[in-house]
Amino acid sequence: MALKKRSASERDRDAAIEAFGNAAEPLLVTPAAQSDRVTPIRPSVTPELGDMRDKEHPRTMLLRFDNDLDLVELLSAVATLEGRKKHPMALRALRIGLEQVRDSYE
Protein backbone atom coordinates (compact mmCIF):
# COMPACT_ATOMS: atom_id res chain seq x y z
CA MET A 1 0.00 0.00 0.00
CA ALA A 2 1.46 3.34 -1.04
CA LEU A 3 1.26 6.45 1.10
CA LYS A 4 -0.32 9.43 -0.58
CA LYS A 5 1.60 12.69 -0.32
CA ARG A 6 -0.47 15.64 0.75
CA SER A 7 -0.62 18.45 -1.76
CA ALA A 8 0.04 22.08 -0.88
CA SER A 9 -3.67 22.87 -1.03
CA GLU A 10 -4.45 20.07 1.45
CA ARG A 11 -1.77 21.37 3.82
CA ASP A 12 -3.16 24.91 3.48
CA ARG A 13 -6.67 23.63 4.15
CA ASP A 14 -5.51 21.75 7.24
CA ALA A 15 -3.67 24.85 8.47
CA ALA A 16 -6.79 26.97 7.95
CA ILE A 17 -8.93 24.50 9.89
CA GLU A 18 -6.38 24.43 12.71
CA ALA A 19 -6.25 28.25 12.81
CA PHE A 20 -10.05 28.43 12.93
CA GLY A 21 -10.15 25.97 15.83
CA ASN A 22 -7.40 27.81 17.70
CA ALA A 23 -9.31 31.09 17.35
CA ALA A 24 -12.49 29.47 18.69
CA GLU A 25 -10.91 28.01 21.82
CA PRO A 26 -7.99 29.15 23.95
CA LEU A 27 -4.80 27.19 23.38
CA LEU A 28 -3.87 24.75 26.12
CA VAL A 29 -0.29 24.41 24.85
CA THR A 30 1.88 26.89 23.05
CA PRO A 31 1.98 26.30 19.29
CA ALA A 32 5.15 25.16 17.57
CA ALA A 33 7.13 27.70 15.59
CA GLN A 34 5.36 28.45 12.34
CA SER A 35 7.14 28.63 9.03
CA ASP A 36 7.91 32.00 7.48
CA ARG A 37 6.18 31.01 4.26
CA VAL A 38 3.13 33.17 3.64
CA THR A 39 0.35 31.52 1.67
CA PRO A 40 -3.08 33.03 1.20
CA ILE A 41 -5.75 30.92 2.85
CA ARG A 42 -8.76 32.74 1.45
CA PRO A 43 -9.38 33.82 -2.11
CA SER A 44 -9.14 37.54 -2.77
CA VAL A 45 -12.75 37.60 -3.99
CA THR A 46 -15.63 35.95 -2.15
CA PRO A 47 -17.83 34.06 -4.60
CA GLU A 48 -21.53 34.82 -4.60
CA LEU A 49 -23.85 32.27 -3.03
CA GLY A 50 -26.01 30.79 -5.75
CA ASP A 51 -28.36 28.73 -3.61
CA MET A 52 -30.75 31.58 -2.76
CA ARG A 53 -30.27 31.21 1.01
CA ASP A 54 -31.92 33.72 3.30
CA LYS A 55 -28.87 35.38 4.83
CA GLU A 56 -30.82 37.14 7.59
CA HIS A 57 -32.02 33.91 9.23
CA PRO A 58 -29.31 31.36 9.96
CA ARG A 59 -30.08 27.70 9.36
CA THR A 60 -27.40 26.31 11.65
CA MET A 61 -25.85 27.01 15.03
CA LEU A 62 -22.93 25.42 16.82
CA LEU A 63 -23.82 24.52 20.39
CA ARG A 64 -21.09 23.57 22.83
CA PHE A 65 -21.97 21.72 25.98
CA ASP A 66 -18.59 22.60 27.53
CA ASN A 67 -18.50 20.92 30.94
CA ASP A 68 -22.26 20.37 31.23
CA LEU A 69 -22.22 16.64 30.49
CA ASP A 70 -25.44 16.19 32.47
CA LEU A 71 -27.24 18.17 29.78
CA VAL A 72 -25.90 15.84 27.09
CA GLU A 73 -27.08 12.78 29.03
CA LEU A 74 -30.47 14.40 29.72
CA LEU A 75 -30.94 15.17 26.02
CA SER A 76 -30.09 11.57 25.09
CA ALA A 77 -32.42 10.14 27.74
CA VAL A 78 -35.38 12.34 26.77
CA ALA A 79 -34.83 11.71 23.07
CA THR A 80 -34.89 7.96 23.76
CA LEU A 81 -38.09 8.27 25.81
CA GLU A 82 -39.76 10.29 23.06
CA GLY A 83 -38.57 7.92 20.34
CA ARG A 84 -36.74 10.71 18.55
CA LYS A 85 -33.20 11.41 17.51
CA LYS A 86 -31.22 13.97 19.52
CA HIS A 87 -31.34 16.78 16.94
CA PRO A 88 -35.17 16.95 16.58
CA MET A 89 -35.50 16.59 20.34
CA ALA A 90 -33.03 19.41 20.97
CA LEU A 91 -34.96 21.66 18.55
CA ARG A 92 -38.24 20.81 20.28
CA ALA A 93 -36.79 21.46 23.74
CA LEU A 94 -35.24 24.73 22.57
CA ARG A 95 -38.57 25.89 21.14
CA ILE A 96 -40.49 24.99 24.34
CA GLY A 97 -37.89 26.66 26.54
CA LEU A 98 -37.66 29.83 24.47
CA GLU A 99 -41.46 30.16 24.32
CA GLN A 100 -41.61 29.90 28.12
CA VAL A 101 -38.88 32.52 28.52
CA ARG A 102 -40.64 34.83 26.04
CA ASP A 103 -43.98 34.37 27.82
CA SER A 104 -42.39 35.25 31.17
CA TYR A 105 -41.64 38.73 29.77
CA GLU A 106 -45.22 39.37 28.64
PDB file of N, CA and C in Angstrom:
ATOM      1  N   MET A   1       0.842  -1.170   0.000  1.00  0.00           N
ATOM      2  CA  MET A   1       0.000   0.000   0.000  1.00  0.00           C
ATOM      3  C   MET A   1       0.893   1.242   0.000  1.00  0.00           C
ATOM      4  N   ALA A   2       0.656   2.132  -0.906  1.00  0.00           N
ATOM      5  CA  ALA A   2       1.463   3.340  -1.038  1.00  0.00           C
ATOM      6  C   ALA A   2       0.865   4.464  -0.202  1.00  0.00           C
ATOM      7  N   LEU A   3       1.714   5.291   0.353  1.00  0.00           N
ATOM      8  CA  LEU A   3       1.261   6.453   1.095  1.00  0.00           C
ATOM      9  C   LEU A   3       1.077   7.618   0.136  1.00  0.00           C
ATOM     10  N   LYS A   4      -0.025   8.295   0.283  1.00  0.00           N
ATOM     11  CA  LYS A   4      -0.320   9.429  -0.579  1.00  0.00           C
ATOM     12  C   LYS A   4       0.291  10.685   0.021  1.00  0.00           C
ATOM     13  N   LYS A   5       1.049  11.422  -0.782  1.00  0.00           N
ATOM     14  CA  LYS A   5       1.603  12.690  -0.325  1.00  0.00           C
ATOM     15  C   LYS A   5       0.501  13.736  -0.334  1.00  0.00           C
ATOM     16  N   ARG A   6       0.512  14.566   0.697  1.00  0.00           N
ATOM     17  CA  ARG A   6      -0.474  15.638   0.746  1.00  0.00           C
ATOM     18  C   ARG A   6      -0.020  16.792  -0.132  1.00  0.00           C
ATOM     19  N   SER A   7      -0.950  17.328  -0.887  1.00  0.00           N
ATOM     20  CA  SER A   7      -0.619  18.448  -1.764  1.00  0.00           C
ATOM     21  C   SER A   7      -0.559  19.734  -0.943  1.00  0.00           C
ATOM     22  N   ALA A   8      -0.062  20.781  -1.561  1.00  0.00           N
ATOM     23  CA  ALA A   8       0.043  22.078  -0.880  1.00  0.00           C
ATOM     24  C   ALA A   8      -1.331  22.595  -0.492  1.00  0.00           C
ATOM     25  N   SER A   9      -2.328  22.376  -1.345  1.00  0.00           N
ATOM     26  CA  SER A   9      -3.673  22.865  -1.031  1.00  0.00           C
ATOM     27  C   SER A   9      -4.260  22.115   0.161  1.00  0.00           C
ATOM     28  N   GLU A  10      -3.966  20.821   0.287  1.00  0.00           N
ATOM     29  CA  GLU A  10      -4.450  20.069   1.449  1.00  0.00           C
ATOM     30  C   GLU A  10      -3.770  20.552   2.718  1.00  0.00           C
ATOM     31  N   ARG A  11      -2.475  20.845   2.644  1.00  0.00           N
ATOM     32  CA  ARG A  11      -1.767  21.367   3.816  1.00  0.00           C
ATOM     33  C   ARG A  11      -2.307  22.745   4.194  1.00  0.00           C
ATOM     34  N   ASP A  12      -2.589  23.585   3.207  1.00  0.00           N
ATOM     35  CA  ASP A  12      -3.158  24.906   3.478  1.00  0.00           C
ATOM     36  C   ASP A  12      -4.539  24.787   4.107  1.00  0.00           C
ATOM     37  N   ARG A  13      -5.341  23.847   3.591  1.00  0.00           N
ATOM     38  CA  ARG A  13      -6.671  23.635   4.146  1.00  0.00           C
ATOM     39  C   ARG A  13      -6.580  23.170   5.594  1.00  0.00           C
ATOM     40  N   ASP A  14      -5.687  22.238   5.867  1.00  0.00           N
ATOM     41  CA  ASP A  14      -5.506  21.752   7.238  1.00  0.00           C
ATOM     42  C   ASP A  14      -5.033  22.864   8.165  1.00  0.00           C
ATOM     43  N   ALA A  15      -4.140  23.719   7.670  1.00  0.00           N
ATOM     44  CA  ALA A  15      -3.669  24.850   8.471  1.00  0.00           C
ATOM     45  C   ALA A  15      -4.797  25.838   8.749  1.00  0.00           C
ATOM     46  N   ALA A  16      -5.657  26.058   7.765  1.00  0.00           N
ATOM     47  CA  ALA A  16      -6.785  26.971   7.945  1.00  0.00           C
ATOM     48  C   ALA A  16      -7.765  26.417   8.974  1.00  0.00           C
ATOM     49  N   ILE A  17      -8.026  25.126   8.925  1.00  0.00           N
ATOM     50  CA  ILE A  17      -8.927  24.496   9.892  1.00  0.00           C
ATOM     51  C   ILE A  17      -8.337  24.601  11.295  1.00  0.00           C
ATOM     52  N   GLU A  18      -7.055  24.338  11.415  1.00  0.00           N
ATOM     53  CA  GLU A  18      -6.378  24.433  12.711  1.00  0.00           C
ATOM     54  C   GLU A  18      -6.418  25.861  13.253  1.00  0.00           C
ATOM     55  N   ALA A  19      -6.202  26.849  12.390  1.00  0.00           N
ATOM     56  CA  ALA A  19      -6.246  28.252  12.807  1.00  0.00           C
ATOM     57  C   ALA A  19      -7.647  28.635  13.259  1.00  0.00           C
ATOM     58  N   PHE A  20      -8.666  28.148  12.561  1.00  0.00           N
ATOM     59  CA  PHE A  20     -10.051  28.430  12.935  1.00  0.00           C
ATOM     60  C   PHE A  20     -10.350  27.844  14.314  1.00  0.00           C
ATOM     61  N   GLY A  21      -9.931  26.605  14.536  1.00  0.00           N
ATOM     62  CA  GLY A  21     -10.155  25.968  15.828  1.00  0.00           C
ATOM     63  C   GLY A  21      -9.414  26.669  16.945  1.00  0.00           C
ATOM     64  N   ASN A  22      -8.180  27.104  16.690  1.00  0.00           N
ATOM     65  CA  ASN A  22      -7.404  27.815  17.701  1.00  0.00           C
ATOM     66  C   ASN A  22      -8.035  29.157  18.042  1.00  0.00           C
ATOM     67  N   ALA A  23      -8.664  29.811  17.083  1.00  0.00           N
ATOM     68  CA  ALA A  23      -9.311  31.085  17.348  1.00  0.00           C
ATOM     69  C   ALA A  23     -10.596  30.889  18.144  1.00  0.00           C
ATOM     70  N   ALA A  24     -11.228  29.727  18.003  1.00  0.00           N
ATOM     71  CA  ALA A  24     -12.486  29.468  18.690  1.00  0.00           C
ATOM     72  C   ALA A  24     -12.268  29.106  20.149  1.00  0.00           C
ATOM     73  N   GLU A  25     -11.177  28.456  20.458  1.00  0.00           N
ATOM     74  CA  GLU A  25     -10.914  28.010  21.823  1.00  0.00           C
ATOM     75  C   GLU A  25      -9.517  28.456  22.229  1.00  0.00           C
ATOM     76  N   PRO A  26      -9.338  28.766  23.517  1.00  0.00           N
ATOM     77  CA  PRO A  26      -7.991  29.148  23.946  1.00  0.00           C
ATOM     78  C   PRO A  26      -7.041  27.963  23.841  1.00  0.00           C
ATOM     79  N   LEU A  27      -5.794  28.252  23.519  1.00  0.00           N
ATOM     80  CA  LEU A  27      -4.796  27.191  23.383  1.00  0.00           C
ATOM     81  C   LEU A  27      -4.403  26.677  24.757  1.00  0.00           C
ATOM     82  N   LEU A  28      -4.305  25.355  24.873  1.00  0.00           N
ATOM     83  CA  LEU A  28      -3.866  24.751  26.116  1.00  0.00           C
ATOM     84  C   LEU A  28      -2.353  24.584  26.132  1.00  0.00           C
ATOM     85  N   VAL A  29      -1.740  24.502  24.970  1.00  0.00           N
ATOM     86  CA  VAL A  29      -0.291  24.408  24.850  1.00  0.00           C
ATOM     87  C   VAL A  29       0.163  25.461  23.856  1.00  0.00           C
ATOM     88  N   THR A  30       1.374  25.897  23.988  1.00  0.00           N
ATOM     89  CA  THR A  30       1.884  26.895  23.050  1.00  0.00           C
ATOM     90  C   THR A  30       2.133  26.235  21.702  1.00  0.00           C
ATOM     91  N   PRO A  31       1.795  26.900  20.616  1.00  0.00           N
ATOM     92  CA  PRO A  31       1.979  26.303  19.293  1.00  0.00           C
ATOM     93  C   PRO A  31       3.458  26.224  18.928  1.00  0.00           C
ATOM     94  N   ALA A  32       3.784  25.287  18.081  1.00  0.00           N
ATOM     95  CA  ALA A  32       5.147  25.155  17.575  1.00  0.00           C
ATOM     96  C   ALA A  32       5.453  26.330  16.668  1.00  0.00           C
ATOM     97  N   ALA A  33       6.712  26.587  16.457  1.00  0.00           N
ATOM     98  CA  ALA A  33       7.128  27.701  15.592  1.00  0.00           C
ATOM     99  C   ALA A  33       6.563  27.495  14.197  1.00  0.00           C
ATOM    100  N   GLN A  34       5.962  28.541  13.661  1.00  0.00           N
ATOM    101  CA  GLN A  34       5.361  28.452  12.336  1.00  0.00           C
ATOM    102  C   GLN A  34       6.402  28.833  11.288  1.00  0.00           C
ATOM    103  N   SER A  35       6.207  28.320  10.104  1.00  0.00           N
ATOM    104  CA  SER A  35       7.137  28.629   9.028  1.00  0.00           C
ATOM    105  C   SER A  35       6.942  30.065   8.570  1.00  0.00           C
ATOM    106  N   ASP A  36       7.968  30.620   7.952  1.00  0.00           N
ATOM    107  CA  ASP A  36       7.914  32.001   7.480  1.00  0.00           C
ATOM    108  C   ASP A  36       7.189  32.128   6.155  1.00  0.00           C
ATOM    109  N   ARG A  37       6.850  30.988   5.555  1.00  0.00           N
ATOM    110  CA  ARG A  37       6.183  31.013   4.259  1.00  0.00           C
ATOM    111  C   ARG A  37       4.764  31.571   4.403  1.00  0.00           C
ATOM    112  N   VAL A  38       4.452  32.547   3.591  1.00  0.00           N
ATOM    113  CA  VAL A  38       3.131  33.167   3.636  1.00  0.00           C
ATOM    114  C   VAL A  38       2.330  32.654   2.448  1.00  0.00           C
ATOM    115  N   THR A  39       1.229  31.996   2.738  1.00  0.00           N
ATOM    116  CA  THR A  39       0.351  31.524   1.668  1.00  0.00           C
ATOM    117  C   THR A  39      -1.050  32.032   1.962  1.00  0.00           C
ATOM    118  N   PRO A  40      -1.718  32.564   0.968  1.00  0.00           N
ATOM    119  CA  PRO A  40      -3.083  33.028   1.199  1.00  0.00           C
ATOM    120  C   PRO A  40      -4.009  31.846   1.470  1.00  0.00           C
ATOM    121  N   ILE A  41      -4.815  31.983   2.500  1.00  0.00           N
ATOM    122  CA  ILE A  41      -5.750  30.921   2.854  1.00  0.00           C
ATOM    123  C   ILE A  41      -7.100  31.156   2.175  1.00  0.00           C
ATOM    124  N   ARG A  42      -7.470  32.412   2.069  1.00  0.00           N
ATOM    125  CA  ARG A  42      -8.756  32.744   1.453  1.00  0.00           C
ATOM    126  C   ARG A  42      -8.534  33.346   0.074  1.00  0.00           C
ATOM    127  N   PRO A  43      -9.492  33.155  -0.806  1.00  0.00           N
ATOM    128  CA  PRO A  43      -9.377  33.818  -2.112  1.00  0.00           C
ATOM    129  C   PRO A  43      -9.558  35.323  -1.934  1.00  0.00           C
ATOM    130  N   SER A  44      -9.037  36.089  -2.885  1.00  0.00           N
ATOM    131  CA  SER A  44      -9.136  37.540  -2.775  1.00  0.00           C
ATOM    132  C   SER A  44     -10.560  38.031  -3.021  1.00  0.00           C
ATOM    133  N   VAL A  45     -11.365  37.238  -3.698  1.00  0.00           N
ATOM    134  CA  VAL A  45     -12.751  37.601  -3.985  1.00  0.00           C
ATOM    135  C   VAL A  45     -13.657  36.517  -3.424  1.00  0.00           C
ATOM    136  N   THR A  46     -14.672  36.922  -2.681  1.00  0.00           N
ATOM    137  CA  THR A  46     -15.626  35.953  -2.151  1.00  0.00           C
ATOM    138  C   THR A  46     -16.666  35.649  -3.216  1.00  0.00           C
ATOM    139  N   PRO A  47     -16.830  34.390  -3.585  1.00  0.00           N
ATOM    140  CA  PRO A  47     -17.827  34.064  -4.599  1.00  0.00           C
ATOM    141  C   PRO A  47     -19.245  34.288  -4.070  1.00  0.00           C
ATOM    142  N   GLU A  48     -20.131  34.612  -4.969  1.00  0.00           N
ATOM    143  CA  GLU A  48     -21.531  34.817  -4.604  1.00  0.00           C
ATOM    144  C   GLU A  48     -22.188  33.479  -4.303  1.00  0.00           C
ATOM    145  N   LEU A  49     -23.103  33.478  -3.340  1.00  0.00           N
ATOM    146  CA  LEU A  49     -23.847  32.269  -3.034  1.00  0.00           C
ATOM    147  C   LEU A  49     -24.971  32.125  -4.045  1.00  0.00           C
ATOM    148  N   GLY A  50     -25.020  30.990  -4.713  1.00  0.00           N
ATOM    149  CA  GLY A  50     -26.013  30.794  -5.752  1.00  0.00           C
ATOM    150  C   GLY A  50     -27.187  29.946  -5.325  1.00  0.00           C
ATOM    151  N   ASP A  51     -27.299  29.625  -4.026  1.00  0.00           N
ATOM    152  CA  ASP A  51     -28.365  28.725  -3.614  1.00  0.00           C
ATOM    153  C   ASP A  51     -29.564  29.455  -3.022  1.00  0.00           C
ATOM    154  N   MET A  52     -29.607  30.768  -3.166  1.00  0.00           N
ATOM    155  CA  MET A  52     -30.754  31.578  -2.763  1.00  0.00           C
ATOM    156  C   MET A  52     -31.071  31.439  -1.276  1.00  0.00           C
ATOM    157  N   ARG A  53     -30.036  31.313  -0.424  1.00  0.00           N
ATOM    158  CA  ARG A  53     -30.270  31.215   1.010  1.00  0.00           C
ATOM    159  C   ARG A  53     -30.693  32.557   1.569  1.00  0.00           C
ATOM    160  N   ASP A  54     -31.520  32.523   2.583  1.00  0.00           N
ATOM    161  CA  ASP A  54     -31.920  33.717   3.297  1.00  0.00           C
ATOM    162  C   ASP A  54     -30.802  34.032   4.293  1.00  0.00           C
ATOM    163  N   LYS A  55     -30.041  35.080   4.027  1.00  0.00           N
ATOM    164  CA  LYS A  55     -28.867  35.375   4.830  1.00  0.00           C
ATOM    165  C   LYS A  55     -29.213  36.021   6.170  1.00  0.00           C
ATOM    166  N   GLU A  56     -30.446  36.490   6.344  1.00  0.00           N
ATOM    167  CA  GLU A  56     -30.822  37.136   7.594  1.00  0.00           C
ATOM    168  C   GLU A  56     -31.228  36.125   8.664  1.00  0.00           C
ATOM    169  N   HIS A  57     -31.579  34.920   8.282  1.00  0.00           N
ATOM    170  CA  HIS A  57     -32.021  33.906   9.228  1.00  0.00           C
ATOM    171  C   HIS A  57     -31.118  32.681   9.098  1.00  0.00           C
ATOM    172  N   PRO A  58     -30.229  32.490  10.066  1.00  0.00           N
ATOM    173  CA  PRO A  58     -29.307  31.357   9.964  1.00  0.00           C
ATOM    174  C   PRO A  58     -30.036  30.030  10.047  1.00  0.00           C
ATOM    175  N   ARG A  59     -29.485  29.036   9.340  1.00  0.00           N
ATOM    176  CA  ARG A  59     -30.076  27.702   9.365  1.00  0.00           C
ATOM    177  C   ARG A  59     -29.356  26.775  10.332  1.00  0.00           C
ATOM    178  N   THR A  60     -28.173  27.161  10.765  1.00  0.00           N
ATOM    179  CA  THR A  60     -27.398  26.313  11.648  1.00  0.00           C
ATOM    180  C   THR A  60     -26.851  27.121  12.816  1.00  0.00           C
ATOM    181  N   MET A  61     -26.464  26.395  13.874  1.00  0.00           N
ATOM    182  CA  MET A  61     -25.854  27.013  15.035  1.00  0.00           C
ATOM    183  C   MET A  61     -24.992  25.957  15.710  1.00  0.00           C
ATOM    184  N   LEU A  62     -23.808  26.328  16.095  1.00  0.00           N
ATOM    185  CA  LEU A  62     -22.933  25.422  16.823  1.00  0.00           C
ATOM    186  C   LEU A  62     -23.207  25.587  18.303  1.00  0.00           C
ATOM    187  N   LEU A  63     -23.516  24.495  18.965  1.00  0.00           N
ATOM    188  CA  LEU A  63     -23.822  24.522  20.391  1.00  0.00           C
ATOM    189  C   LEU A  63     -22.792  23.689  21.122  1.00  0.00           C
ATOM    190  N   ARG A  64     -22.083  24.296  22.057  1.00  0.00           N
ATOM    191  CA  ARG A  64     -21.087  23.570  22.830  1.00  0.00           C
ATOM    192  C   ARG A  64     -21.639  23.307  24.217  1.00  0.00           C
ATOM    193  N   PHE A  65     -21.506  22.082  24.659  1.00  0.00           N
ATOM    194  CA  PHE A  65     -21.974  21.717  25.982  1.00  0.00           C
ATOM    195  C   PHE A  65     -20.932  22.015  27.048  1.00  0.00           C
ATOM    196  N   ASP A  66     -19.704  22.328  26.640  1.00  0.00           N
ATOM    197  CA  ASP A  66     -18.590  22.601  27.534  1.00  0.00           C
ATOM    198  C   ASP A  66     -18.489  21.524  28.608  1.00  0.00           C
ATOM    199  N   ASN A  67     -18.641  21.890  29.848  1.00  0.00           N
ATOM    200  CA  ASN A  67     -18.499  20.917  30.939  1.00  0.00           C
ATOM    201  C   ASN A  67     -19.841  20.421  31.458  1.00  0.00           C
ATOM    202  N   ASP A  68     -20.928  20.763  30.785  1.00  0.00           N
ATOM    203  CA  ASP A  68     -22.261  20.366  31.231  1.00  0.00           C
ATOM    204  C   ASP A  68     -22.640  19.021  30.615  1.00  0.00           C
ATOM    205  N   LEU A  69     -21.962  17.971  31.051  1.00  0.00           N
ATOM    206  CA  LEU A  69     -22.216  16.643  30.491  1.00  0.00           C
ATOM    207  C   LEU A  69     -23.570  16.095  30.928  1.00  0.00           C
ATOM    208  N   ASP A  70     -24.106  16.614  32.043  1.00  0.00           N
ATOM    209  CA  ASP A  70     -25.441  16.189  32.473  1.00  0.00           C
ATOM    210  C   ASP A  70     -26.485  16.573  31.436  1.00  0.00           C
ATOM    211  N   LEU A  71     -26.304  17.727  30.812  1.00  0.00           N
ATOM    212  CA  LEU A  71     -27.240  18.168  29.784  1.00  0.00           C
ATOM    213  C   LEU A  71     -27.206  17.243  28.573  1.00  0.00           C
ATOM    214  N   VAL A  72     -26.032  16.776  28.208  1.00  0.00           N
ATOM    215  CA  VAL A  72     -25.897  15.839  27.088  1.00  0.00           C
ATOM    216  C   VAL A  72     -26.626  14.535  27.412  1.00  0.00           C
ATOM    217  N   GLU A  73     -26.420  14.025  28.625  1.00  0.00           N
ATOM    218  CA  GLU A  73     -27.076  12.783  29.033  1.00  0.00           C
ATOM    219  C   GLU A  73     -28.587  12.967  29.122  1.00  0.00           C
ATOM    220  N   LEU A  74     -29.041  14.125  29.624  1.00  0.00           N
ATOM    221  CA  LEU A  74     -30.471  14.397  29.715  1.00  0.00           C
ATOM    222  C   LEU A  74     -31.101  14.453  28.328  1.00  0.00           C
ATOM    223  N   LEU A  75     -30.442  15.100  27.396  1.00  0.00           N
ATOM    224  CA  LEU A  75     -30.937  15.167  26.023  1.00  0.00           C
ATOM    225  C   LEU A  75     -31.052  13.773  25.423  1.00  0.00           C
ATOM    226  N   SER A  76     -30.055  12.942  25.620  1.00  0.00           N
ATOM    227  CA  SER A  76     -30.089  11.574  25.094  1.00  0.00           C
ATOM    228  C   SER A  76     -31.215  10.770  25.728  1.00  0.00           C
ATOM    229  N   ALA A  77     -31.380  10.906  27.041  1.00  0.00           N
ATOM    230  CA  ALA A  77     -32.415  10.144  27.740  1.00  0.00           C
ATOM    231  C   ALA A  77     -33.812  10.555  27.281  1.00  0.00           C
ATOM    232  N   VAL A  78     -34.049  11.858  27.191  1.00  0.00           N
ATOM    233  CA  VAL A  78     -35.377  12.342  26.775  1.00  0.00           C
ATOM    234  C   VAL A  78     -35.649  11.984  25.319  1.00  0.00           C
ATOM    235  N   ALA A  79     -34.643  12.073  24.471  1.00  0.00           N
ATOM    236  CA  ALA A  79     -34.827  11.707  23.071  1.00  0.00           C
ATOM    237  C   ALA A  79     -35.188  10.229  22.952  1.00  0.00           C
ATOM    238  N   THR A  80     -34.568   9.385  23.771  1.00  0.00           N
ATOM    239  CA  THR A  80     -34.891   7.961  23.756  1.00  0.00           C
ATOM    240  C   THR A  80     -36.320   7.728  24.236  1.00  0.00           C
ATOM    241  N   LEU A  81     -36.731   8.413  25.296  1.00  0.00           N
ATOM    242  CA  LEU A  81     -38.095   8.266  25.810  1.00  0.00           C
ATOM    243  C   LEU A  81     -39.137   8.704  24.788  1.00  0.00           C
ATOM    244  N   GLU A  82     -38.829   9.762  24.049  1.00  0.00           N
ATOM    245  CA  GLU A  82     -39.763  10.293  23.057  1.00  0.00           C
ATOM    246  C   GLU A  82     -39.702   9.521  21.744  1.00  0.00           C
ATOM    247  N   GLY A  83     -38.712   8.653  21.585  1.00  0.00           N
ATOM    248  CA  GLY A  83     -38.568   7.920  20.337  1.00  0.00           C
ATOM    249  C   GLY A  83     -38.082   8.806  19.203  1.00  0.00           C
ATOM    250  N   ARG A  84     -37.263   9.777  19.536  1.00  0.00           N
ATOM    251  CA  ARG A  84     -36.738  10.711  18.547  1.00  0.00           C
ATOM    252  C   ARG A  84     -35.221  10.629  18.530  1.00  0.00           C
ATOM    253  N   LYS A  85     -34.653  11.235  17.519  1.00  0.00           N
ATOM    254  CA  LYS A  85     -33.204  11.413  17.507  1.00  0.00           C
ATOM    255  C   LYS A  85     -32.889  12.669  18.308  1.00  0.00           C
ATOM    256  N   LYS A  86     -31.611  12.851  18.650  1.00  0.00           N
ATOM    257  CA  LYS A  86     -31.221  13.972  19.516  1.00  0.00           C
ATOM    258  C   LYS A  86     -31.457  15.334  18.876  1.00  0.00           C
ATOM    259  N   HIS A  87     -31.200  15.461  17.584  1.00  0.00           N
ATOM    260  CA  HIS A  87     -31.344  16.777  16.942  1.00  0.00           C
ATOM    261  C   HIS A  87     -32.788  17.273  16.959  1.00  0.00           C
ATOM    262  N   PRO A  88     -33.783  16.465  16.508  1.00  0.00           N
ATOM    263  CA  PRO A  88     -35.169  16.952  16.583  1.00  0.00           C
ATOM    264  C   PRO A  88     -35.619  17.209  18.028  1.00  0.00           C
ATOM    265  N   MET A  89     -35.133  16.391  18.950  1.00  0.00           N
ATOM    266  CA  MET A  89     -35.504  16.592  20.343  1.00  0.00           C
ATOM    267  C   MET A  89     -34.900  17.879  20.880  1.00  0.00           C
ATOM    268  N   ALA A  90     -33.666  18.175  20.524  1.00  0.00           N
ATOM    269  CA  ALA A  90     -33.033  19.415  20.968  1.00  0.00           C
ATOM    270  C   ALA A  90     -33.767  20.627  20.407  1.00  0.00           C
ATOM    271  N   LEU A  91     -34.200  20.554  19.138  1.00  0.00           N
ATOM    272  CA  LEU A  91     -34.963  21.659  18.546  1.00  0.00           C
ATOM    273  C   LEU A  91     -36.301  21.846  19.262  1.00  0.00           C
ATOM    274  N   ARG A  92     -36.951  20.737  19.575  1.00  0.00           N
ATOM    275  CA  ARG A  92     -38.243  20.814  20.278  1.00  0.00           C
ATOM    276  C   ARG A  92     -38.058  21.415  21.668  1.00  0.00           C
ATOM    277  N   ALA A  93     -37.046  20.944  22.396  1.00  0.00           N
ATOM    278  CA  ALA A  93     -36.788  21.458  23.743  1.00  0.00           C
ATOM    279  C   ALA A  93     -36.408  22.935  23.705  1.00  0.00           C
ATOM    280  N   LEU A  94     -35.620  23.323  22.714  1.00  0.00           N
ATOM    281  CA  LEU A  94     -35.240  24.727  22.572  1.00  0.00           C
ATOM    282  C   LEU A  94     -36.462  25.593  22.305  1.00  0.00           C
ATOM    283  N   ARG A  95     -37.353  25.125  21.434  1.00  0.00           N
ATOM    284  CA  ARG A  95     -38.574  25.887  21.142  1.00  0.00           C
ATOM    285  C   ARG A  95     -39.435  26.042  22.396  1.00  0.00           C
ATOM    286  N   ILE A  96     -39.658  24.944  23.129  1.00  0.00           N
ATOM    287  CA  ILE A  96     -40.490  24.995  24.338  1.00  0.00           C
ATOM    288  C   ILE A  96     -39.869  25.944  25.358  1.00  0.00           C
ATOM    289  N   GLY A  97     -38.558  25.811  25.569  1.00  0.00           N
ATOM    290  CA  GLY A  97     -37.885  26.661  26.544  1.00  0.00           C
ATOM    291  C   GLY A  97     -37.914  28.129  26.165  1.00  0.00           C
ATOM    292  N   LEU A  98     -37.650  28.435  24.898  1.00  0.00           N
ATOM    293  CA  LEU A  98     -37.656  29.831  24.467  1.00  0.00           C
ATOM    294  C   LEU A  98     -39.054  30.435  24.523  1.00  0.00           C
ATOM    295  N   GLU A  99     -40.086  29.650  24.213  1.00  0.00           N
ATOM    296  CA  GLU A  99     -41.458  30.157  24.322  1.00  0.00           C
ATOM    297  C   GLU A  99     -41.804  30.465  25.770  1.00  0.00           C
ATOM    298  N   GLN A 100     -41.352  29.632  26.707  1.00  0.00           N
ATOM    299  CA  GLN A 100     -41.609  29.904  28.123  1.00  0.00           C
ATOM    300  C   GLN A 100     -40.868  31.151  28.591  1.00  0.00           C
ATOM    301  N   VAL A 101     -39.631  31.326  28.150  1.00  0.00           N
ATOM    302  CA  VAL A 101     -38.878  32.521  28.516  1.00  0.00           C
ATOM    303  C   VAL A 101     -39.558  33.760  27.945  1.00  0.00           C
ATOM    304  N   ARG A 102     -39.965  33.692  26.663  1.00  0.00           N
ATOM    305  CA  ARG A 102     -40.638  34.834  26.045  1.00  0.00           C
ATOM    306  C   ARG A 102     -41.937  35.172  26.775  1.00  0.00           C
ATOM    307  N   ASP A 103     -42.713  34.140  27.130  1.00  0.00           N
ATOM    308  CA  ASP A 103     -43.976  34.375  27.815  1.00  0.00           C
ATOM    309  C   ASP A 103     -43.777  34.954  29.201  1.00  0.00           C
ATOM    310  N   SER A 104     -42.638  34.684  29.837  1.00  0.00           N
ATOM    311  CA  SER A 104     -42.394  35.245  31.166  1.00  0.00           C
ATOM    312  C   SER A 104     -42.171  36.754  31.110  1.00  0.00           C
ATOM    313  N   TYR A 105     -41.839  37.285  29.919  1.00  0.00           N
ATOM    314  CA  TYR A 105     -41.641  38.730  29.769  1.00  0.00           C
ATOM    315  C   TYR A 105     -42.931  39.448  29.409  1.00  0.00           C
ATOM    316  N   GLU A 106     -43.959  38.713  29.056  1.00  0.00           N
ATOM    317  CA  GLU A 106     -45.223  39.366  28.638  1.00  0.00           C
ATOM    318  C   GLU A 106     -46.161  39.566  29.802  1.00  0.00           C
TER     319      GLU A 106
END
